[in-house]
Every structure is written in structure tokens, then in C-alpha cells.
Amino acid sequence: MAQAVFEGDLNQFNPNNPFAGDERIPVQFYMGAVQNDSKTTEAGRPIFDDVECIRIFNSKDNIVDRPVRDMDKQRWPRQYSAWKAGDQEAGLSGTRLDQWGVLTRAQAEEFKYFKIFTVEQLAEAPDSSSHNFMGFQKYKALAKAYIEMSRGQAPILKLQEQLEQANGTIASQKDQLDKMAERLERLEKAAKK
């Protein structure tokens, strides 16, 4: 049986600093978007919440990509602070322009340049922003129409979610009844013997 061999440098190990050496690991903090299921159901359209995320590049074949944990902020405080200092999208909630499907990626990036990140922000953007790019009024009107249309779908989506929950409950209860029937049948057979 082959034994595992440690190939690291023990001189870099510091029991007083469990994160020693981590500064050499490339990391990227970024703002990720995670769909908020309850808000999505309520609004009738996809609603995303911003979540701080991290990519840890352990090797070219091992990249960890997940939401940030408190430990990550302690392991890479310099990188985290630098990222937070330049962050402009933190705390957004709504339908992200790059998730909307109406705009090209380039158009969504152009809106981001003007600090418009969500469909809701676009719908409420002042008309004075229209001189910044072509088609602004058209996209603003589409955003307003999308939000209004979504409001009409919200009750349908809520009913659909309730129906799925009820179907799940019914299936669970049916499974329990089937198990009880099998048990009762076994008990009756045992009593006849």
C-alpha cells in the first residue's frame, strides 16, 4: 500500500497563523446573483439577490467558486478590502439586466456603466439618461411593460407553487398509506398463522 507523501515546506507552517501562505493563492471576490425563490414567486418574474462570492484558484483544474464565508474574509483580508472598496453593485435586488434576455451582453454592460443594473432601475431611470445611448426610451418602455406583465403572472405562479406543494404532500401521504397497508397486511397474515 502506497503512503501519502507531504511535499510542502514545513517552515511555512505556523500554528499561530493557520492562514500562513494563503496570500500566494490567487482569489477573486465578486458579486454573484442568486435567484430568490420566494420573491420570484411573488413578483412573477425572476428576482435575484446579490451574494458575495469567491473564486479560489487552487490550480488550473481545481477552482472553487462559492458564496463568501467569514473565514474567507479572514484568509484574504487585503483582497477582500480592495474588492469592497471598488464594489458598486452590492445589495441589489431585482431582475438583472444580463438575466433579462431582451438586451445583448454588451448593452447590459453599457447600462452598468451608467449604474443601471436591474430591469426595475431601468424602468425608473430618469429621462435625462436617454442621451447616453440609443434606444434608451424603447428599453425603458420594455422594462416597464415587463414589470407590469409580471405582476399579472404573480398570482398564477403562487397558485402553481401551492399546487406543487399540495401534490408533494399528497404523494407523501399516499406513500405513508401504502406502507401502513403493507404493514397491516403482514400483521393479518401473521395473525392467521
N, C-alpha and C. Protein backbone atom coordinates (compact mmCIF):
# COMPACT_ATOMS: atom_id res chain seq x y z
N MET A 1 0.84 -1.19 0.00
CA MET A 1 0.00 0.00 0.00
C MET A 1 0.88 1.24 0.00
N ALA A 2 0.64 2.16 -0.93
CA ALA A 2 1.44 3.38 -1.04
C ALA A 2 1.03 4.38 0.03
N GLN A 3 2.02 5.06 0.58
CA GLN A 3 1.74 6.07 1.59
C GLN A 3 1.74 7.44 0.95
N ALA A 4 0.91 8.32 1.49
CA ALA A 4 0.89 9.70 1.01
C ALA A 4 2.15 10.40 1.48
N VAL A 5 2.73 11.21 0.62
CA VAL A 5 3.95 11.93 0.94
C VAL A 5 3.64 13.42 0.96
N PHE A 6 4.02 14.08 2.05
CA PHE A 6 3.83 15.53 2.16
C PHE A 6 4.94 16.22 1.40
N GLU A 7 4.58 17.08 0.45
CA GLU A 7 5.59 17.75 -0.37
C GLU A 7 5.66 19.23 -0.10
N GLY A 8 5.03 19.70 0.97
CA GLY A 8 5.05 21.13 1.30
C GLY A 8 6.30 21.51 2.06
N ASP A 9 6.38 22.78 2.43
CA ASP A 9 7.50 23.30 3.18
C ASP A 9 7.05 23.51 4.62
N LEU A 10 7.56 22.68 5.54
CA LEU A 10 7.15 22.77 6.94
C LEU A 10 7.56 24.09 7.58
N ASN A 11 8.56 24.77 7.01
CA ASN A 11 8.98 26.06 7.56
C ASN A 11 7.90 27.13 7.38
N GLN A 12 7.00 26.91 6.44
CA GLN A 12 5.92 27.87 6.22
C GLN A 12 4.73 27.63 7.15
N PHE A 13 4.73 26.48 7.84
CA PHE A 13 3.63 26.19 8.75
C PHE A 13 3.79 27.00 10.02
N ASN A 14 2.73 27.68 10.42
CA ASN A 14 2.75 28.49 11.63
C ASN A 14 1.49 28.17 12.41
N PRO A 15 1.61 27.47 13.54
CA PRO A 15 0.41 27.11 14.30
C PRO A 15 -0.35 28.32 14.83
N ASN A 16 0.33 29.47 14.94
CA ASN A 16 -0.34 30.69 15.42
C ASN A 16 -1.08 31.40 14.29
N ASN A 17 -0.77 31.05 13.04
CA ASN A 17 -1.45 31.66 11.89
C ASN A 17 -1.83 30.55 10.92
N PRO A 18 -3.06 30.02 11.05
CA PRO A 18 -3.46 28.91 10.17
C PRO A 18 -3.57 29.32 8.70
N PHE A 19 -3.55 30.63 8.40
CA PHE A 19 -3.69 31.10 7.03
C PHE A 19 -2.35 31.47 6.40
N ALA A 20 -1.26 31.14 7.06
CA ALA A 20 0.06 31.46 6.52
C ALA A 20 0.22 30.83 5.14
N GLY A 21 0.69 31.59 4.21
CA GLY A 21 0.89 31.10 2.85
C GLY A 21 -0.30 31.32 1.94
N ASP A 22 -1.47 31.63 2.51
CA ASP A 22 -2.67 31.82 1.68
C ASP A 22 -2.57 33.04 0.78
N GLU A 23 -1.72 34.00 1.14
CA GLU A 23 -1.61 35.21 0.32
C GLU A 23 -1.08 34.89 -1.08
N ARG A 24 -0.47 33.72 -1.25
CA ARG A 24 0.04 33.33 -2.57
C ARG A 24 -1.01 32.63 -3.42
N ILE A 25 -2.16 32.30 -2.82
CA ILE A 25 -3.23 31.64 -3.58
C ILE A 25 -4.04 32.72 -4.29
N PRO A 26 -4.16 32.66 -5.61
CA PRO A 26 -4.96 33.66 -6.31
C PRO A 26 -6.45 33.50 -6.00
N VAL A 27 -7.09 34.60 -5.63
CA VAL A 27 -8.52 34.59 -5.35
C VAL A 27 -9.17 35.77 -6.07
N GLN A 28 -10.45 35.63 -6.32
CA GLN A 28 -11.23 36.70 -6.94
C GLN A 28 -12.55 36.80 -6.20
N PHE A 29 -12.79 37.94 -5.57
CA PHE A 29 -14.07 38.21 -4.96
C PHE A 29 -14.94 38.88 -6.01
N TYR A 30 -16.21 38.54 -6.02
CA TYR A 30 -17.12 39.17 -6.96
C TYR A 30 -18.55 39.09 -6.42
N MET A 31 -19.43 39.87 -7.01
CA MET A 31 -20.82 39.86 -6.59
C MET A 31 -21.57 38.92 -7.53
N GLY A 32 -22.06 37.82 -6.97
CA GLY A 32 -22.83 36.85 -7.73
C GLY A 32 -24.32 37.10 -7.52
N ALA A 33 -25.12 36.59 -8.40
CA ALA A 33 -26.57 36.73 -8.30
C ALA A 33 -27.19 35.36 -8.07
N VAL A 34 -27.99 35.25 -7.01
CA VAL A 34 -28.67 34.01 -6.67
C VAL A 34 -30.17 34.27 -6.72
N GLN A 35 -30.89 33.39 -7.40
CA GLN A 35 -32.33 33.59 -7.53
C GLN A 35 -33.01 33.42 -6.17
N ASN A 36 -33.86 34.40 -5.83
CA ASN A 36 -34.63 34.37 -4.60
C ASN A 36 -35.99 33.78 -4.94
N ASP A 37 -36.22 32.52 -4.55
CA ASP A 37 -37.42 31.80 -4.97
C ASP A 37 -38.70 32.46 -4.45
N SER A 38 -38.71 32.91 -3.21
CA SER A 38 -39.94 33.50 -2.67
C SER A 38 -40.28 34.81 -3.37
N LYS A 39 -39.26 35.65 -3.60
CA LYS A 39 -39.51 36.92 -4.30
C LYS A 39 -39.89 36.67 -5.77
N THR A 40 -39.29 35.64 -6.37
CA THR A 40 -39.61 35.30 -7.75
C THR A 40 -41.07 34.89 -7.88
N THR A 41 -41.53 34.06 -6.96
CA THR A 41 -42.92 33.62 -6.98
C THR A 41 -43.86 34.80 -6.77
N GLU A 42 -43.50 35.67 -5.85
CA GLU A 42 -44.35 36.83 -5.53
C GLU A 42 -44.43 37.81 -6.69
N ALA A 43 -43.30 38.03 -7.37
CA ALA A 43 -43.27 39.02 -8.44
C ALA A 43 -43.70 38.45 -9.79
N GLY A 44 -43.61 37.16 -9.97
CA GLY A 44 -43.99 36.57 -11.25
C GLY A 44 -42.91 36.67 -12.29
N ARG A 45 -41.71 36.98 -11.89
CA ARG A 45 -40.56 37.06 -12.79
C ARG A 45 -39.32 36.73 -11.97
N PRO A 46 -38.21 36.39 -12.61
CA PRO A 46 -37.02 36.04 -11.85
C PRO A 46 -36.48 37.24 -11.07
N ILE A 47 -36.33 37.07 -9.77
CA ILE A 47 -35.74 38.10 -8.91
C ILE A 47 -34.47 37.50 -8.32
N PHE A 48 -33.39 38.24 -8.45
CA PHE A 48 -32.09 37.77 -7.97
C PHE A 48 -31.61 38.67 -6.85
N ASP A 49 -30.97 38.08 -5.86
CA ASP A 49 -30.33 38.83 -4.79
C ASP A 49 -28.83 38.72 -4.97
N ASP A 50 -28.14 39.81 -4.65
CA ASP A 50 -26.70 39.80 -4.73
C ASP A 50 -26.12 39.02 -3.56
N VAL A 51 -25.13 38.23 -3.85
CA VAL A 51 -24.44 37.44 -2.84
C VAL A 51 -22.94 37.58 -3.10
N GLU A 52 -22.19 37.89 -2.07
CA GLU A 52 -20.74 37.96 -2.22
C GLU A 52 -20.22 36.55 -2.50
N CYS A 53 -19.41 36.43 -3.54
CA CYS A 53 -18.86 35.13 -3.93
C CYS A 53 -17.34 35.22 -4.04
N ILE A 54 -16.73 34.06 -4.09
CA ILE A 54 -15.27 33.98 -4.22
C ILE A 54 -14.91 32.86 -5.17
N ARG A 55 -13.85 33.10 -5.95
CA ARG A 55 -13.23 32.06 -6.77
C ARG A 55 -11.83 31.87 -6.21
N ILE A 56 -11.53 30.64 -5.83
CA ILE A 56 -10.21 30.31 -5.29
C ILE A 56 -9.51 29.44 -6.33
N PHE A 57 -8.42 29.93 -6.88
CA PHE A 57 -7.71 29.23 -7.95
C PHE A 57 -6.60 28.37 -7.34
N ASN A 58 -6.98 27.18 -6.87
CA ASN A 58 -6.00 26.27 -6.28
C ASN A 58 -5.05 25.74 -7.34
N SER A 59 -5.56 25.44 -8.50
CA SER A 59 -4.77 25.03 -9.66
C SER A 59 -5.66 25.22 -10.88
N LYS A 60 -5.11 24.97 -12.06
CA LYS A 60 -5.93 25.17 -13.26
C LYS A 60 -7.10 24.19 -13.32
N ASP A 61 -6.97 23.05 -12.65
CA ASP A 61 -8.03 22.05 -12.65
C ASP A 61 -8.87 22.08 -11.38
N ASN A 62 -8.52 22.92 -10.43
CA ASN A 62 -9.22 22.97 -9.15
C ASN A 62 -9.54 24.41 -8.81
N ILE A 63 -10.72 24.87 -9.24
CA ILE A 63 -11.17 26.23 -8.95
C ILE A 63 -12.43 26.12 -8.11
N VAL A 64 -12.36 26.68 -6.92
CA VAL A 64 -13.51 26.69 -6.01
C VAL A 64 -14.29 27.97 -6.29
N ASP A 65 -15.59 27.85 -6.52
CA ASP A 65 -16.44 29.00 -6.82
C ASP A 65 -17.69 28.86 -5.96
N ARG A 66 -17.84 29.74 -4.96
CA ARG A 66 -18.93 29.60 -4.00
C ARG A 66 -19.18 30.93 -3.30
N PRO A 67 -20.29 31.02 -2.53
CA PRO A 67 -20.52 32.23 -1.73
C PRO A 67 -19.41 32.41 -0.69
N VAL A 68 -19.15 33.67 -0.36
CA VAL A 68 -18.10 34.01 0.60
C VAL A 68 -18.51 33.57 2.01
N ARG A 69 -17.54 33.04 2.74
CA ARG A 69 -17.73 32.69 4.14
C ARG A 69 -16.91 33.67 4.98
N ASP A 70 -17.23 33.80 6.25
CA ASP A 70 -16.48 34.70 7.13
C ASP A 70 -15.00 34.34 7.15
N MET A 71 -14.69 33.05 7.09
CA MET A 71 -13.31 32.60 7.09
C MET A 71 -12.54 33.16 5.88
N ASP A 72 -13.22 33.29 4.73
CA ASP A 72 -12.56 33.81 3.53
C ASP A 72 -12.11 35.25 3.75
N LYS A 73 -12.92 36.02 4.45
CA LYS A 73 -12.58 37.41 4.73
C LYS A 73 -11.36 37.49 5.64
N GLN A 74 -11.19 36.50 6.50
CA GLN A 74 -10.04 36.45 7.39
C GLN A 74 -8.80 35.94 6.64
N ARG A 75 -8.99 35.00 5.73
CA ARG A 75 -7.86 34.43 4.99
C ARG A 75 -7.27 35.43 4.01
N TRP A 76 -8.11 36.20 3.35
CA TRP A 76 -7.67 37.14 2.34
C TRP A 76 -8.21 38.54 2.64
N PRO A 77 -7.83 39.14 3.77
CA PRO A 77 -8.40 40.44 4.13
C PRO A 77 -8.02 41.55 3.16
N ARG A 78 -6.79 41.52 2.65
CA ARG A 78 -6.34 42.58 1.73
C ARG A 78 -7.14 42.54 0.43
N GLN A 79 -7.31 41.33 -0.13
CA GLN A 79 -8.04 41.20 -1.39
C GLN A 79 -9.53 41.55 -1.19
N TYR A 80 -10.07 41.12 -0.07
CA TYR A 80 -11.49 41.40 0.20
C TYR A 80 -11.72 42.91 0.36
N SER A 81 -10.84 43.57 1.11
CA SER A 81 -10.98 45.02 1.32
C SER A 81 -10.85 45.78 0.01
N ALA A 82 -9.88 45.37 -0.81
CA ALA A 82 -9.69 46.03 -2.11
C ALA A 82 -10.92 45.85 -2.99
N TRP A 83 -11.49 44.66 -2.97
CA TRP A 83 -12.68 44.41 -3.78
C TRP A 83 -13.85 45.25 -3.28
N LYS A 84 -14.06 45.30 -1.96
CA LYS A 84 -15.17 46.07 -1.40
C LYS A 84 -15.03 47.55 -1.69
N ALA A 85 -13.81 48.05 -1.73
CA ALA A 85 -13.59 49.47 -1.99
C ALA A 85 -14.04 49.85 -3.40
N GLY A 86 -13.98 48.91 -4.34
CA GLY A 86 -14.38 49.21 -5.71
C GLY A 86 -15.73 48.67 -6.10
N ASP A 87 -16.47 48.08 -5.15
CA ASP A 87 -17.75 47.43 -5.45
C ASP A 87 -18.86 48.46 -5.63
N GLN A 88 -19.62 48.32 -6.72
CA GLN A 88 -20.72 49.25 -6.98
C GLN A 88 -22.06 48.55 -7.12
N GLU A 89 -22.08 47.23 -7.15
CA GLU A 89 -23.33 46.52 -7.37
C GLU A 89 -23.86 45.85 -6.11
N ALA A 90 -23.22 46.05 -4.98
CA ALA A 90 -23.61 45.35 -3.77
C ALA A 90 -25.02 45.71 -3.33
N GLY A 91 -25.75 44.72 -2.87
CA GLY A 91 -27.05 44.95 -2.26
C GLY A 91 -28.22 45.08 -3.21
N LEU A 92 -28.02 44.82 -4.48
CA LEU A 92 -29.12 44.94 -5.43
C LEU A 92 -30.09 43.78 -5.30
N SER A 93 -31.35 44.06 -5.57
CA SER A 93 -32.36 43.01 -5.64
C SER A 93 -33.27 43.37 -6.79
N GLY A 94 -33.48 42.43 -7.67
CA GLY A 94 -34.33 42.69 -8.83
C GLY A 94 -33.95 41.76 -9.96
N THR A 95 -34.51 42.00 -11.13
CA THR A 95 -34.19 41.21 -12.32
C THR A 95 -32.99 41.85 -12.99
N ARG A 96 -31.86 41.16 -12.96
CA ARG A 96 -30.62 41.69 -13.50
C ARG A 96 -30.77 41.86 -15.02
N LEU A 97 -30.20 42.93 -15.54
CA LEU A 97 -30.29 43.19 -16.97
C LEU A 97 -29.66 42.07 -17.79
N ASP A 98 -28.57 41.49 -17.30
CA ASP A 98 -27.93 40.42 -18.06
C ASP A 98 -28.70 39.11 -17.97
N GLN A 99 -29.72 39.03 -17.10
CA GLN A 99 -30.58 37.86 -17.00
C GLN A 99 -31.93 38.08 -17.69
N TRP A 100 -32.18 39.28 -18.14
CA TRP A 100 -33.48 39.66 -18.68
C TRP A 100 -33.75 39.03 -20.03
N GLY A 101 -32.79 38.93 -20.90
CA GLY A 101 -32.99 38.29 -22.20
C GLY A 101 -33.37 39.25 -23.31
N VAL A 102 -33.62 40.50 -22.99
CA VAL A 102 -34.00 41.48 -24.01
C VAL A 102 -32.75 42.18 -24.56
N LEU A 103 -31.79 42.39 -23.69
CA LEU A 103 -30.57 43.11 -24.07
C LEU A 103 -29.46 42.13 -24.42
N THR A 104 -28.57 42.58 -25.28
CA THR A 104 -27.35 41.81 -25.51
C THR A 104 -26.44 42.01 -24.31
N ARG A 105 -25.43 41.18 -24.19
CA ARG A 105 -24.48 41.32 -23.08
C ARG A 105 -23.81 42.70 -23.13
N ALA A 106 -23.48 43.14 -24.33
CA ALA A 106 -22.83 44.45 -24.48
C ALA A 106 -23.75 45.57 -24.02
N GLN A 107 -25.04 45.48 -24.36
CA GLN A 107 -25.98 46.52 -23.92
C GLN A 107 -26.13 46.53 -22.41
N ALA A 108 -26.19 45.33 -21.81
CA ALA A 108 -26.28 45.25 -20.35
C ALA A 108 -25.05 45.87 -19.71
N GLU A 109 -23.87 45.63 -20.28
CA GLU A 109 -22.64 46.22 -19.75
C GLU A 109 -22.66 47.74 -19.91
N GLU A 110 -23.21 48.21 -21.02
CA GLU A 110 -23.30 49.66 -21.23
C GLU A 110 -24.21 50.30 -20.18
N PHE A 111 -25.34 49.66 -19.88
CA PHE A 111 -26.22 50.18 -18.83
C PHE A 111 -25.50 50.17 -17.48
N LYS A 112 -24.71 49.12 -17.23
CA LYS A 112 -23.97 49.05 -15.96
C LYS A 112 -23.02 50.24 -15.83
N TYR A 113 -22.43 50.64 -16.94
CA TYR A 113 -21.52 51.79 -16.91
C TYR A 113 -22.24 53.02 -16.37
N PHE A 114 -23.53 53.12 -16.67
CA PHE A 114 -24.33 54.26 -16.21
C PHE A 114 -25.08 53.93 -14.92
N LYS A 115 -24.62 52.89 -14.22
CA LYS A 115 -25.13 52.50 -12.90
C LYS A 115 -26.57 52.02 -12.94
N ILE A 116 -26.97 51.40 -14.04
CA ILE A 116 -28.29 50.78 -14.16
C ILE A 116 -28.05 49.28 -14.28
N PHE A 117 -28.41 48.53 -13.22
CA PHE A 117 -28.08 47.11 -13.14
C PHE A 117 -29.29 46.19 -13.26
N THR A 118 -30.50 46.69 -12.97
CA THR A 118 -31.69 45.84 -12.96
C THR A 118 -32.78 46.41 -13.86
N VAL A 119 -33.73 45.56 -14.20
CA VAL A 119 -34.88 45.98 -15.01
C VAL A 119 -35.65 47.06 -14.26
N GLU A 120 -35.76 46.89 -12.95
CA GLU A 120 -36.50 47.86 -12.14
C GLU A 120 -35.83 49.23 -12.17
N GLN A 121 -34.51 49.26 -12.12
CA GLN A 121 -33.78 50.52 -12.20
C GLN A 121 -33.97 51.16 -13.57
N LEU A 122 -33.95 50.35 -14.61
CA LEU A 122 -34.14 50.87 -15.97
C LEU A 122 -35.53 51.46 -16.13
N ALA A 123 -36.54 50.78 -15.60
CA ALA A 123 -37.92 51.27 -15.72
C ALA A 123 -38.10 52.61 -15.01
N GLU A 124 -37.35 52.84 -13.95
CA GLU A 124 -37.48 54.07 -13.16
C GLU A 124 -36.40 55.10 -13.48
N ALA A 125 -35.55 54.82 -14.44
CA ALA A 125 -34.45 55.73 -14.76
C ALA A 125 -35.01 57.06 -15.29
N PRO A 126 -34.36 58.15 -14.93
CA PRO A 126 -34.84 59.46 -15.41
C PRO A 126 -34.64 59.59 -16.92
N ASP A 127 -35.52 60.32 -17.55
CA ASP A 127 -35.42 60.51 -18.99
C ASP A 127 -34.14 61.25 -19.38
N SER A 128 -33.55 61.95 -18.44
CA SER A 128 -32.31 62.66 -18.73
C SER A 128 -31.18 61.70 -19.08
N SER A 129 -31.32 60.43 -18.72
CA SER A 129 -30.30 59.43 -19.05
C SER A 129 -30.36 59.02 -20.52
N SER A 130 -31.42 59.41 -21.22
CA SER A 130 -31.63 58.93 -22.59
C SER A 130 -30.58 59.41 -23.57
N HIS A 131 -29.91 60.50 -23.29
CA HIS A 131 -28.90 61.00 -24.23
C HIS A 131 -27.62 60.16 -24.20
N ASN A 132 -27.51 59.27 -23.23
CA ASN A 132 -26.30 58.47 -23.10
C ASN A 132 -26.19 57.35 -24.13
N PHE A 133 -27.32 56.80 -24.59
CA PHE A 133 -27.24 55.74 -25.58
C PHE A 133 -28.55 55.62 -26.36
N MET A 134 -28.38 55.05 -27.56
CA MET A 134 -29.51 54.92 -28.48
C MET A 134 -30.50 53.88 -27.97
N GLY A 135 -31.77 54.13 -28.19
CA GLY A 135 -32.80 53.18 -27.84
C GLY A 135 -33.17 53.17 -26.37
N PHE A 136 -32.70 54.15 -25.61
CA PHE A 136 -32.96 54.18 -24.18
C PHE A 136 -34.45 54.17 -23.88
N GLN A 137 -35.20 55.01 -24.55
CA GLN A 137 -36.65 55.11 -24.29
C GLN A 137 -37.36 53.80 -24.62
N LYS A 138 -36.92 53.14 -25.69
CA LYS A 138 -37.51 51.85 -26.07
C LYS A 138 -37.27 50.82 -24.97
N TYR A 139 -36.04 50.73 -24.48
CA TYR A 139 -35.72 49.75 -23.44
C TYR A 139 -36.39 50.09 -22.12
N LYS A 140 -36.52 51.37 -21.84
CA LYS A 140 -37.23 51.79 -20.62
C LYS A 140 -38.69 51.37 -20.70
N ALA A 141 -39.31 51.57 -21.86
CA ALA A 141 -40.72 51.17 -22.05
C ALA A 141 -40.86 49.65 -21.95
N LEU A 142 -39.91 48.91 -22.54
CA LEU A 142 -39.94 47.45 -22.45
C LEU A 142 -39.80 46.99 -20.99
N ALA A 143 -38.95 47.66 -20.24
CA ALA A 143 -38.77 47.31 -18.82
C ALA A 143 -40.06 47.54 -18.05
N LYS A 144 -40.72 48.66 -18.28
CA LYS A 144 -41.99 48.95 -17.61
C LYS A 144 -43.05 47.91 -17.98
N ALA A 145 -43.12 47.57 -19.26
CA ALA A 145 -44.10 46.58 -19.72
C ALA A 145 -43.81 45.21 -19.12
N TYR A 146 -42.55 44.86 -19.03
CA TYR A 146 -42.15 43.58 -18.45
C TYR A 146 -42.59 43.48 -16.99
N ILE A 147 -42.37 44.54 -16.25
CA ILE A 147 -42.75 44.57 -14.83
C ILE A 147 -44.26 44.47 -14.68
N GLU A 148 -45.00 45.22 -15.50
CA GLU A 148 -46.48 45.16 -15.43
C GLU A 148 -47.00 43.78 -15.80
N MET A 149 -46.44 43.19 -16.85
CA MET A 149 -46.87 41.86 -17.28
C MET A 149 -46.57 40.83 -16.18
N SER A 150 -45.42 40.99 -15.54
CA SER A 150 -45.03 40.06 -14.48
C SER A 150 -45.98 40.12 -13.30
N ARG A 151 -46.47 41.30 -13.00
CA ARG A 151 -47.42 41.44 -11.88
C ARG A 151 -48.67 40.61 -12.14
N GLY A 152 -49.08 40.53 -13.38
CA GLY A 152 -50.25 39.72 -13.72
C GLY A 152 -49.99 38.23 -13.60
N GLN A 153 -48.74 37.82 -13.78
CA GLN A 153 -48.39 36.41 -13.69
C GLN A 153 -48.13 35.96 -12.26
N ALA A 154 -47.89 36.89 -11.37
CA ALA A 154 -47.54 36.54 -9.99
C ALA A 154 -48.59 35.65 -9.32
N PRO A 155 -49.90 35.98 -9.40
CA PRO A 155 -50.88 35.11 -8.76
C PRO A 155 -50.88 33.69 -9.34
N ILE A 156 -50.66 33.57 -10.64
CA ILE A 156 -50.62 32.26 -11.28
C ILE A 156 -49.44 31.46 -10.75
N LEU A 157 -48.28 32.11 -10.63
CA LEU A 157 -47.10 31.42 -10.12
C LEU A 157 -47.28 31.00 -8.67
N LYS A 158 -47.95 31.84 -7.87
CA LYS A 158 -48.22 31.48 -6.48
C LYS A 158 -49.12 30.26 -6.41
N LEU A 159 -50.17 30.25 -7.23
CA LEU A 159 -51.06 29.08 -7.26
C LEU A 159 -50.32 27.83 -7.72
N GLN A 160 -49.46 27.99 -8.70
CA GLN A 160 -48.69 26.86 -9.19
C GLN A 160 -47.78 26.30 -8.09
N GLU A 161 -47.14 27.19 -7.34
CA GLU A 161 -46.28 26.74 -6.24
C GLU A 161 -47.10 26.03 -5.16
N GLN A 162 -48.27 26.58 -4.84
CA GLN A 162 -49.14 25.95 -3.84
C GLN A 162 -49.60 24.57 -4.32
N LEU A 163 -49.91 24.46 -5.60
CA LEU A 163 -50.34 23.19 -6.17
C LEU A 163 -49.21 22.16 -6.09
N GLU A 164 -47.98 22.59 -6.41
CA GLU A 164 -46.84 21.68 -6.32
C GLU A 164 -46.62 21.21 -4.88
N GLN A 165 -46.78 22.13 -3.93
CA GLN A 165 -46.64 21.75 -2.52
C GLN A 165 -47.73 20.76 -2.12
N ALA A 166 -48.96 21.02 -2.56
CA ALA A 166 -50.07 20.11 -2.24
C ALA A 166 -49.84 18.74 -2.86
N ASN A 167 -49.37 18.72 -4.11
CA ASN A 167 -49.08 17.44 -4.76
C ASN A 167 -47.98 16.68 -4.01
N GLY A 168 -47.00 17.40 -3.52
CA GLY A 168 -45.95 16.76 -2.73
C GLY A 168 -46.49 16.17 -1.44
N THR A 169 -47.38 16.91 -0.79
CA THR A 169 -48.00 16.42 0.44
C THR A 169 -48.85 15.20 0.17
N ILE A 170 -49.62 15.24 -0.91
CA ILE A 170 -50.47 14.11 -1.27
C ILE A 170 -49.62 12.87 -1.56
N ALA A 171 -48.54 13.05 -2.30
CA ALA A 171 -47.66 11.92 -2.63
C ALA A 171 -47.05 11.34 -1.36
N SER A 172 -46.66 12.19 -0.44
CA SER A 172 -46.08 11.72 0.82
C SER A 172 -47.12 10.94 1.64
N GLN A 173 -48.34 11.47 1.69
CA GLN A 173 -49.40 10.80 2.44
C GLN A 173 -49.76 9.47 1.78
N LYS A 174 -49.78 9.42 0.45
CA LYS A 174 -50.06 8.18 -0.26
C LYS A 174 -49.00 7.14 0.06
N ASP A 175 -47.75 7.56 0.08
CA ASP A 175 -46.66 6.66 0.41
C ASP A 175 -46.82 6.11 1.82
N GLN A 176 -47.19 6.97 2.76
CA GLN A 176 -47.41 6.52 4.14
C GLN A 176 -48.57 5.54 4.22
N LEU A 177 -49.66 5.81 3.49
CA LEU A 177 -50.81 4.90 3.48
C LEU A 177 -50.43 3.55 2.89
N ASP A 178 -49.64 3.56 1.81
CA ASP A 178 -49.18 2.30 1.20
C ASP A 178 -48.35 1.49 2.19
N LYS A 179 -47.46 2.14 2.91
CA LYS A 179 -46.64 1.44 3.90
C LYS A 179 -47.50 0.89 5.03
N MET A 180 -48.49 1.66 5.45
CA MET A 180 -49.38 1.21 6.52
C MET A 180 -50.21 0.01 6.05
N ALA A 181 -50.66 0.04 4.80
CA ALA A 181 -51.43 -1.07 4.24
C ALA A 181 -50.57 -2.33 4.18
N GLU A 182 -49.32 -2.19 3.76
CA GLU A 182 -48.41 -3.35 3.71
C GLU A 182 -48.19 -3.91 5.11
N ARG A 183 -47.99 -3.04 6.05
CA ARG A 183 -47.77 -3.47 7.44
C ARG A 183 -49.01 -4.18 7.99
N LEU A 184 -50.18 -3.61 7.72
CA LEU A 184 -51.43 -4.21 8.17
C LEU A 184 -51.61 -5.60 7.54
N GLU A 185 -51.29 -5.72 6.26
CA GLU A 185 -51.40 -7.00 5.56
C GLU A 185 -50.47 -8.04 6.19
N ARG A 186 -49.22 -7.61 6.51
CA ARG A 186 -48.28 -8.53 7.16
C ARG A 186 -48.78 -8.96 8.54
N LEU A 187 -49.35 -8.02 9.26
CA LEU A 187 -49.87 -8.32 10.59
C LEU A 187 -51.06 -9.31 10.50
N GLU A 188 -51.93 -9.11 9.50
CA GLU A 188 -53.09 -10.02 9.32
C GLU A 188 -52.62 -11.41 8.95
N LYS A 189 -51.60 -11.52 8.09
CA LYS A 189 -51.05 -12.83 7.71
C LYS A 189 -50.44 -13.50 8.93
N ALA A 190 -49.72 -12.73 9.74
CA ALA A 190 -49.09 -13.28 10.94
C ALA A 190 -50.14 -13.75 11.94
N ALA A 191 -51.27 -13.05 12.02
CA ALA A 191 -52.33 -13.41 12.97
C ALA A 191 -53.05 -14.68 12.52
N LYS A 192 -53.11 -14.95 11.23
CA LYS A 192 -53.79 -16.14 10.70
C LYS A 192 -52.96 -17.40 10.94
N LYS A 193 -51.67 -17.26 11.10
CA LYS A 193 -50.79 -18.43 11.26
C LYS A 193 -50.92 -19.03 12.61
